[in-house]
C-alpha atoms as a PDB file:
ATOM      1  CA  MET A   1       0.039   0.032   0.178  1.00  0.00           C
ATOM      2  CA  GLY A   2       0.950   3.384  -0.815  1.00  0.00           C
ATOM      3  CA  ARG A   3       1.465   6.284   1.410  1.00  0.00           C
ATOM      4  CA  ARG A   4      -1.067   9.106   1.112  1.00  0.00           C
ATOM      5  CA  PRO A   5       0.661  12.456   0.540  1.00  0.00           C
ATOM      6  CA  ALA A   6       0.270  15.019   3.381  1.00  0.00           C
ATOM      7  CA  PRO A   7      -2.478  17.836   2.525  1.00  0.00           C
ATOM      8  CA  ALA A   8      -1.004  21.160   1.462  1.00  0.00           C
ATOM      9  CA  PRO A   9      -0.588  23.661   4.194  1.00  0.00           C
ATOM     10  CA  TRP A  10      -3.091  25.944   2.554  1.00  0.00           C
ATOM     11  CA  ARG A  11      -5.726  23.272   2.782  1.00  0.00           C
ATOM     12  CA  TRP A  12      -5.363  23.116   6.679  1.00  0.00           C
ATOM     13  CA  ALA A  13      -5.311  26.778   6.955  1.00  0.00           C
ATOM     14  CA  ALA A  14      -8.620  26.935   5.047  1.00  0.00           C
ATOM     15  CA  LEU A  15     -10.271  24.171   6.844  1.00  0.00           C
ATOM     16  CA  LEU A  16      -8.948  25.675  10.170  1.00  0.00           C
ATOM     17  CA  GLY A  17     -10.327  28.894   9.394  1.00  0.00           C
ATOM     18  CA  PHE A  18     -13.670  27.732   8.198  1.00  0.00           C
ATOM     19  CA  ALA A  19     -13.961  25.728  11.585  1.00  0.00           C
ATOM     20  CA  LEU A  20     -13.242  28.752  13.473  1.00  0.00           C
ATOM     21  CA  ILE A  21     -15.051  31.588  11.738  1.00  0.00           C
ATOM     22  CA  ALA A  22     -18.336  29.970  10.251  1.00  0.00           C
ATOM     23  CA  PRO A  23     -19.957  28.758  13.374  1.00  0.00           C
ATOM     24  CA  VAL A  24     -19.860  32.502  14.685  1.00  0.00           C
ATOM     25  CA  THR A  25     -22.256  33.545  11.731  1.00  0.00           C
ATOM     26  CA  LEU A  26     -24.682  30.699  12.193  1.00  0.00           C
ATOM     27  CA  PRO A  27     -27.716  31.376  14.413  1.00  0.00           C
ATOM     28  CA  ALA A  28     -26.469  28.476  16.769  1.00  0.00           C
ATOM     29  CA  GLY A  29     -23.015  30.250  17.193  1.00  0.00           C
ATOM     30  CA  GLY A  30     -24.692  33.244  18.858  1.00  0.00           C
ATOM     31  CA  ALA A  31     -24.279  35.785  16.173  1.00  0.00           C
ATOM     32  CA  GLU A  32     -27.492  38.081  15.842  1.00  0.00           C
ATOM     33  CA  ARG A  33     -28.129  38.536  11.982  1.00  0.00           C
ATOM     34  CA  ARG A  34     -30.661  41.389  12.343  1.00  0.00           C
ATOM     35  CA  GLN A  35     -29.834  44.808  13.566  1.00  0.00           C
ATOM     36  CA  PRO A  36     -31.203  45.713  16.917  1.00  0.00           C
ATOM     37  CA  GLU A  37     -34.323  48.048  16.636  1.00  0.00           C
ATOM     38  CA  VAL A  38     -33.728  51.696  17.721  1.00  0.00           C
ATOM     39  CA  ARG A  39     -36.445  52.886  19.921  1.00  0.00           C
ATOM     40  CA  ARG A  40     -37.612  56.408  19.427  1.00  0.00           C
ATOM     41  CA  ARG A  41     -39.692  58.651  21.858  1.00  0.00           C
ATOM     42  CA  GLN A  42     -43.431  58.862  20.646  1.00  0.00           C
ATOM     43  CA  ALA A  43     -45.042  62.090  20.697  1.00  0.00           C
ATOM     44  CA  GLY A  44     -47.206  61.347  23.673  1.00  0.00           C
ATOM     45  CA  GLU A  45     -44.307  59.984  26.067  1.00  0.00           C
ATOM     46  CA  PRO A  46     -42.970  62.325  28.534  1.00  0.00           C
ATOM     47  CA  LEU A  47     -39.136  63.537  28.137  1.00  0.00           C
ATOM     48  CA  LEU A  48     -36.911  62.941  31.060  1.00  0.00           C
ATOM     49  CA  PRO A  49     -34.074  65.295  31.619  1.00  0.00           C
ATOM     50  CA  ALA A  50     -30.822  63.786  32.395  1.00  0.00           C
ATOM     51  CA  SER A  51     -29.643  66.241  34.997  1.00  0.00           C
ATOM     52  CA  VAL A  52     -31.135  68.948  37.118  1.00  0.00           C
ATOM     53  CA  ARG A  53     -32.070  71.744  34.742  1.00  0.00           C
ATOM     54  CA  SER A  54     -33.593  75.299  35.262  1.00  0.00           C
ATOM     55  CA  LEU A  55     -36.814  76.004  33.479  1.00  0.00           C
ATOM     56  CA  GLN A  56     -36.524  79.380  31.945  1.00  0.00           C
ATOM     57  CA  ALA A  57     -38.924  82.197  31.332  1.00  0.00           C
ATOM     58  CA  ALA A  58     -37.998  82.781  27.715  1.00  0.00           C
ATOM     59  CA  PRO A  59     -35.731  81.061  25.063  1.00  0.00           C
ATOM     60  CA  GLU A  60     -32.607  82.983  26.026  1.00  0.00           C
ATOM     61  CA  CYS A  61     -29.605  82.163  28.142  1.00  0.00           C
ATOM     62  CA  GLN A  62     -30.078  85.361  30.309  1.00  0.00           C
ATOM     63  CA  ALA A  63     -33.864  84.710  30.813  1.00  0.00           C
ATOM     64  CA  PRO A  64     -34.839  84.437  34.584  1.00  0.00           C
ATOM     65  CA  ALA A  65     -35.225  80.866  35.807  1.00  0.00           C
ATOM     66  CA  LEU A  66     -38.863  79.903  36.905  1.00  0.00           C
ATOM     67  CA  ALA A  67     -37.915  76.705  38.693  1.00  0.00           C
ATOM     68  CA  LEU A  68     -35.242  73.774  38.864  1.00  0.00           C
ATOM     69  CA  LEU A  69     -36.287  70.692  37.460  1.00  0.00           C
ATOM     70  CA  ALA A  70     -35.183  67.482  38.886  1.00  0.00           C
ATOM     71  CA  ALA A  71     -33.334  64.913  36.746  1.00  0.00           C
ATOM     72  CA  ASP A  72     -36.178  62.311  36.407  1.00  0.00           C
ATOM     73  CA  GLU A  73     -39.125  64.776  36.379  1.00  0.00           C
ATOM     74  CA  PRO A  74     -41.384  64.053  33.402  1.00  0.00           C
ATOM     75  CA  LEU A  75     -41.788  66.872  30.909  1.00  0.00           C
ATOM     76  CA  ARG A  76     -44.075  67.264  28.007  1.00  0.00           C
ATOM     77  CA  VAL A  77     -42.751  68.995  25.006  1.00  0.00           C
ATOM     78  CA  LEU A  78     -45.204  71.668  23.776  1.00  0.00           C
ATOM     79  CA  ARG A  79     -42.871  72.987  20.881  1.00  0.00           C
ATOM     80  CA  SER A  80     -39.261  73.408  19.570  1.00  0.00           C
ATOM     81  CA  TRP A  81     -37.689  76.702  18.539  1.00  0.00           C
ATOM     82  CA  SER A  82     -34.172  77.639  17.171  1.00  0.00           C
ATOM     83  CA  ASP A  83     -32.920  80.959  17.885  1.00  0.00           C
ATOM     84  CA  ALA A  84     -30.695  83.264  15.526  1.00  0.00           C
ATOM     85  CA  GLY A  85     -27.461  81.729  16.754  1.00  0.00           C
ATOM     86  CA  GLY A  86     -28.652  78.208  15.975  1.00  0.00           C
ATOM     87  CA  GLU A  87     -29.459  76.957  19.594  1.00  0.00           C
ATOM     88  CA  ARG A  88     -32.423  74.813  19.812  1.00  0.00           C
ATOM     89  CA  TRP A  89     -34.899  75.327  22.804  1.00  0.00           C
ATOM     90  CA  LEU A  90     -37.796  73.225  23.826  1.00  0.00           C
ATOM     91  CA  GLN A  91     -40.987  74.818  25.344  1.00  0.00           C
ATOM     92  CA  VAL A  92     -41.822  72.325  27.860  1.00  0.00           C
ATOM     93  CA  GLU A  93     -44.602  71.637  30.668  1.00  0.00           C
ATOM     94  CA  ALA A  94     -43.735  70.068  33.883  1.00  0.00           C
ATOM     95  CA  ALA A  95     -46.304  67.783  35.629  1.00  0.00           C
ATOM     96  CA  PRO A  96     -48.037  69.148  38.551  1.00  0.00           C
ATOM     97  CA  GLY A  97     -46.076  68.828  41.674  1.00  0.00           C
ATOM     98  CA  PRO A  98     -47.114  67.520  45.045  1.00  0.00           C
ATOM     99  CA  GLY A  99     -49.729  69.325  46.853  1.00  0.00           C
ATOM    100  CA  LEU A 100     -51.623  70.004  43.502  1.00  0.00           C
ATOM    101  CA  THR A 101     -49.372  72.811  42.370  1.00  0.00           C
ATOM    102  CA  PRO A 102     -50.488  73.940  38.733  1.00  0.00           C
ATOM    103  CA  ALA A 103     -48.338  72.576  35.920  1.00  0.00           C
ATOM    104  CA  ARG A 104     -45.238  74.727  34.981  1.00  0.00           C
ATOM    105  CA  ARG A 105     -44.420  75.799  31.731  1.00  0.00           C
ATOM    106  CA  GLY A 106     -41.040  77.125  30.430  1.00  0.00           C
ATOM    107  CA  TRP A 107     -38.207  76.982  28.054  1.00  0.00           C
ATOM    108  CA  LEU A 108     -35.099  74.374  28.223  1.00  0.00           C
ATOM    109  CA  ALA A 109     -31.997  74.593  25.953  1.00  0.00           C
ATOM    110  CA  ALA A 110     -31.876  71.324  24.156  1.00  0.00           C
END
């Protein structure tokens, strides 16, 4: 019986590469084929500021502050506005606070 010739090194490299890389792209390999969905805020959902912000009387940096808003206080966006300098402002309404204080409206720099 004759001796079989050893496979070429490139065949081993191809086989090893396929064995290591191919399972990652298969569903059982753990890869996710579809892109995750980006969830966007719906128009009726409240906006939650990320930090303590001041509610301003007008859409200007020098406008007087009406109140301080907590970082997790829900806000309802009423309208959006851009000033001449290109800064974006949101007119918001804060939910009524404890003790049945009326809802507060004002401007936040976006």
